[in-house]
Amino acid sequence: MSRDDSPTESEQPARPAPILTGAQRRYLRSQAHPLKPLVFVGEGGVSPAVVKAVDSALASHELVKVRLRQPEDKQAAAEALAAGTRAALCGVVGHTVVLYRPDPEEPRLALPRRD
């Protein structure tokens, strides 16, 4: 396959969101506690631009906080962000959403084992 025949990023199959146990979600929330929110969602809500910004932050950091500004439905907004970025929703605390998506080649965070 030549360079021109290789699939582009958009053509590669999408990885599903990781499935986490309760203990793993709790561990990730504890790791996210000292972090500052990297993406802020304004009054416009979850838009394609916001999803793209969160996707980029997850690619760089694996674990991110997203701050929602007066959402009508926090849980729905959090689930929309998780679905749009193929990330695991670790929790919603106040107006802050914690999302996790491991690096496909070199995960930086070691999660507790699944039992």
C-alpha atoms as a PDB file:
ATOM      1  CA  MET A   1       0.000   0.000   0.000  1.00  0.00           C
ATOM      2  CA  SER A   2       1.503   3.317  -1.008  1.00  0.00           C
ATOM      3  CA  ARG A   3       1.317   6.447   1.084  1.00  0.00           C
ATOM      4  CA  ASP A   4      -1.572   7.724  -1.024  1.00  0.00           C
ATOM      5  CA  ASP A   5      -3.585   4.515  -0.433  1.00  0.00           C
ATOM      6  CA  SER A   6      -3.321   4.601   3.369  1.00  0.00           C
ATOM      7  CA  PRO A   7      -6.559   5.392   5.198  1.00  0.00           C
ATOM      8  CA  THR A   8      -6.928   8.885   6.537  1.00  0.00           C
ATOM      9  CA  GLU A   9      -7.735   9.567  10.166  1.00  0.00           C
ATOM     10  CA  SER A  10     -11.427  10.014   9.383  1.00  0.00           C
ATOM     11  CA  GLU A  11     -11.536   6.673   7.512  1.00  0.00           C
ATOM     12  CA  GLN A  12     -10.007   4.617  10.339  1.00  0.00           C
ATOM     13  CA  PRO A  13     -12.498   2.743  12.486  1.00  0.00           C
ATOM     14  CA  ALA A  14     -13.606   4.641  15.575  1.00  0.00           C
ATOM     15  CA  ARG A  15     -12.612   3.131  18.893  1.00  0.00           C
ATOM     16  CA  PRO A  16     -15.508   2.605  21.285  1.00  0.00           C
ATOM     17  CA  ALA A  17     -15.573   4.397  24.615  1.00  0.00           C
ATOM     18  CA  PRO A  18     -13.778   2.480  27.367  1.00  0.00           C
ATOM     19  CA  ILE A  19     -16.022   0.578  29.767  1.00  0.00           C
ATOM     20  CA  LEU A  20     -15.014   1.261  33.358  1.00  0.00           C
ATOM     21  CA  THR A  21     -15.915  -0.307  36.673  1.00  0.00           C
ATOM     22  CA  GLY A  22     -17.149   1.829  39.554  1.00  0.00           C
ATOM     23  CA  ALA A  23     -13.749   1.565  41.253  1.00  0.00           C
ATOM     24  CA  GLN A  24     -11.986   2.727  38.088  1.00  0.00           C
ATOM     25  CA  ARG A  25     -14.332   5.713  37.722  1.00  0.00           C
ATOM     26  CA  ARG A  26     -13.768   6.610  41.386  1.00  0.00           C
ATOM     27  CA  TYR A  27      -9.978   6.351  40.878  1.00  0.00           C
ATOM     28  CA  LEU A  28     -10.123   8.602  37.806  1.00  0.00           C
ATOM     29  CA  ARG A  29     -12.243  11.189  39.636  1.00  0.00           C
ATOM     30  CA  SER A  30      -9.610  11.239  42.400  1.00  0.00           C
ATOM     31  CA  GLN A  31      -6.873  11.757  39.789  1.00  0.00           C
ATOM     32  CA  ALA A  32      -8.884  14.576  38.194  1.00  0.00           C
ATOM     33  CA  HIS A  33      -9.470  16.389  41.484  1.00  0.00           C
ATOM     34  CA  PRO A  34      -6.380  18.678  41.285  1.00  0.00           C
ATOM     35  CA  LEU A  35      -6.817  19.335  37.553  1.00  0.00           C
ATOM     36  CA  LYS A  36      -8.204  22.577  36.183  1.00  0.00           C
ATOM     37  CA  PRO A  37     -10.970  22.463  33.545  1.00  0.00           C
ATOM     38  CA  LEU A  38      -9.455  22.515  30.057  1.00  0.00           C
ATOM     39  CA  VAL A  39     -12.648  23.223  28.108  1.00  0.00           C
ATOM     40  CA  PHE A  40     -15.489  25.555  29.041  1.00  0.00           C
ATOM     41  CA  VAL A  41     -18.961  25.067  27.568  1.00  0.00           C
ATOM     42  CA  GLY A  42     -20.818  28.364  27.253  1.00  0.00           C
ATOM     43  CA  GLU A  43     -24.481  29.215  26.996  1.00  0.00           C
ATOM     44  CA  GLY A  44     -24.612  27.725  23.490  1.00  0.00           C
ATOM     45  CA  GLY A  45     -24.235  24.263  24.997  1.00  0.00           C
ATOM     46  CA  VAL A  46     -22.527  21.278  23.431  1.00  0.00           C
ATOM     47  CA  SER A  47     -21.746  22.186  19.833  1.00  0.00           C
ATOM     48  CA  PRO A  48     -19.534  20.470  17.245  1.00  0.00           C
ATOM     49  CA  ALA A  49     -16.772  22.996  18.037  1.00  0.00           C
ATOM     50  CA  VAL A  50     -16.938  22.136  21.745  1.00  0.00           C
ATOM     51  CA  VAL A  51     -16.834  18.398  20.971  1.00  0.00           C
ATOM     52  CA  LYS A  52     -13.784  18.976  18.763  1.00  0.00           C
ATOM     53  CA  ALA A  53     -12.046  20.948  21.548  1.00  0.00           C
ATOM     54  CA  VAL A  54     -12.773  18.206  24.105  1.00  0.00           C
ATOM     55  CA  ASP A  55     -11.578  15.553  21.638  1.00  0.00           C
ATOM     56  CA  SER A  56      -8.313  17.440  21.198  1.00  0.00           C
ATOM     57  CA  ALA A  57      -7.881  17.825  24.977  1.00  0.00           C
ATOM     58  CA  LEU A  58      -8.487  14.092  25.488  1.00  0.00           C
ATOM     59  CA  ALA A  59      -5.912  13.247  22.809  1.00  0.00           C
ATOM     60  CA  SER A  60      -3.347  15.315  24.705  1.00  0.00           C
ATOM     61  CA  HIS A  61      -4.242  14.519  28.309  1.00  0.00           C
ATOM     62  CA  GLU A  62      -6.405  11.332  28.515  1.00  0.00           C
ATOM     63  CA  LEU A  63      -8.220  12.691  31.586  1.00  0.00           C
ATOM     64  CA  VAL A  64      -9.922  16.083  31.355  1.00  0.00           C
ATOM     65  CA  LYS A  65     -12.350  18.274  33.197  1.00  0.00           C
ATOM     66  CA  VAL A  66     -14.986  20.228  31.275  1.00  0.00           C
ATOM     67  CA  ARG A  67     -16.845  23.099  32.930  1.00  0.00           C
ATOM     68  CA  LEU A  68     -20.487  23.637  31.969  1.00  0.00           C
ATOM     69  CA  ARG A  69     -22.037  27.098  32.304  1.00  0.00           C
ATOM     70  CA  GLN A  70     -25.635  26.916  33.498  1.00  0.00           C
ATOM     71  CA  PRO A  71     -26.694  23.840  31.541  1.00  0.00           C
ATOM     72  CA  GLU A  72     -30.373  22.973  31.314  1.00  0.00           C
ATOM     73  CA  ASP A  73     -29.543  19.289  31.832  1.00  0.00           C
ATOM     74  CA  LYS A  74     -26.043  18.588  33.149  1.00  0.00           C
ATOM     75  CA  GLN A  75     -26.280  14.822  32.737  1.00  0.00           C
ATOM     76  CA  ALA A  76     -27.484  15.060  29.126  1.00  0.00           C
ATOM     77  CA  ALA A  77     -24.688  17.513  28.271  1.00  0.00           C
ATOM     78  CA  ALA A  78     -22.109  15.238  29.915  1.00  0.00           C
ATOM     79  CA  GLU A  79     -23.398  12.191  28.044  1.00  0.00           C
ATOM     80  CA  ALA A  80     -23.385  14.128  24.757  1.00  0.00           C
ATOM     81  CA  LEU A  81     -19.736  15.099  25.307  1.00  0.00           C
ATOM     82  CA  ALA A  82     -18.791  11.516  26.188  1.00  0.00           C
ATOM     83  CA  ALA A  83     -20.598  10.096  23.155  1.00  0.00           C
ATOM     84  CA  GLY A  84     -19.221  12.731  20.789  1.00  0.00           C
ATOM     85  CA  THR A  85     -15.634  12.078  21.870  1.00  0.00           C
ATOM     86  CA  ARG A  86     -15.913   8.303  22.467  1.00  0.00           C
ATOM     87  CA  ALA A  87     -14.769   8.860  26.051  1.00  0.00           C
ATOM     88  CA  ALA A  88     -15.853   7.339  29.337  1.00  0.00           C
ATOM     89  CA  LEU A  89     -17.906   9.589  31.582  1.00  0.00           C
ATOM     90  CA  CYS A  90     -16.275   9.333  35.012  1.00  0.00           C
ATOM     91  CA  GLY A  91     -18.638  11.673  36.770  1.00  0.00           C
ATOM     92  CA  VAL A  92     -20.425  14.980  37.023  1.00  0.00           C
ATOM     93  CA  VAL A  93     -19.617  17.061  40.095  1.00  0.00           C
ATOM     94  CA  GLY A  94     -21.504  20.331  40.226  1.00  0.00           C
ATOM     95  CA  HIS A  95     -21.095  21.869  36.775  1.00  0.00           C
ATOM     96  CA  THR A  96     -17.868  19.973  36.062  1.00  0.00           C
ATOM     97  CA  VAL A  97     -17.670  16.842  33.901  1.00  0.00           C
ATOM     98  CA  VAL A  98     -14.759  14.383  34.147  1.00  0.00           C
ATOM     99  CA  LEU A  99     -13.997  12.439  30.944  1.00  0.00           C
ATOM    100  CA  TYR A 100     -11.403   9.734  30.259  1.00  0.00           C
ATOM    101  CA  ARG A 101     -10.129   8.263  26.999  1.00  0.00           C
ATOM    102  CA  PRO A 102      -6.839   6.341  27.054  1.00  0.00           C
ATOM    103  CA  ASP A 103      -4.224   6.897  24.400  1.00  0.00           C
ATOM    104  CA  PRO A 104      -4.657   3.949  21.979  1.00  0.00           C
ATOM    105  CA  GLU A 105      -0.915   3.314  21.696  1.00  0.00           C
ATOM    106  CA  GLU A 106       0.539   4.384  25.049  1.00  0.00           C
ATOM    107  CA  PRO A 107      -1.925   4.889  27.916  1.00  0.00           C
ATOM    108  CA  ARG A 108      -0.399   7.201  30.547  1.00  0.00           C
ATOM    109  CA  LEU A 109      -2.737   6.357  33.415  1.00  0.00           C
ATOM    110  CA  ALA A 110      -2.648   2.909  35.013  1.00  0.00           C
ATOM    111  CA  LEU A 111      -6.161   1.990  36.089  1.00  0.00           C
ATOM    112  CA  PRO A 112      -6.925  -0.349  38.993  1.00  0.00           C
ATOM    113  CA  ARG A 113      -7.599  -3.903  37.854  1.00  0.00           C
ATOM    114  CA  ARG A 114     -11.099  -5.030  37.012  1.00  0.00           C
ATOM    115  CA  ASP A 115     -12.383  -7.419  39.658  1.00  0.00           C
END
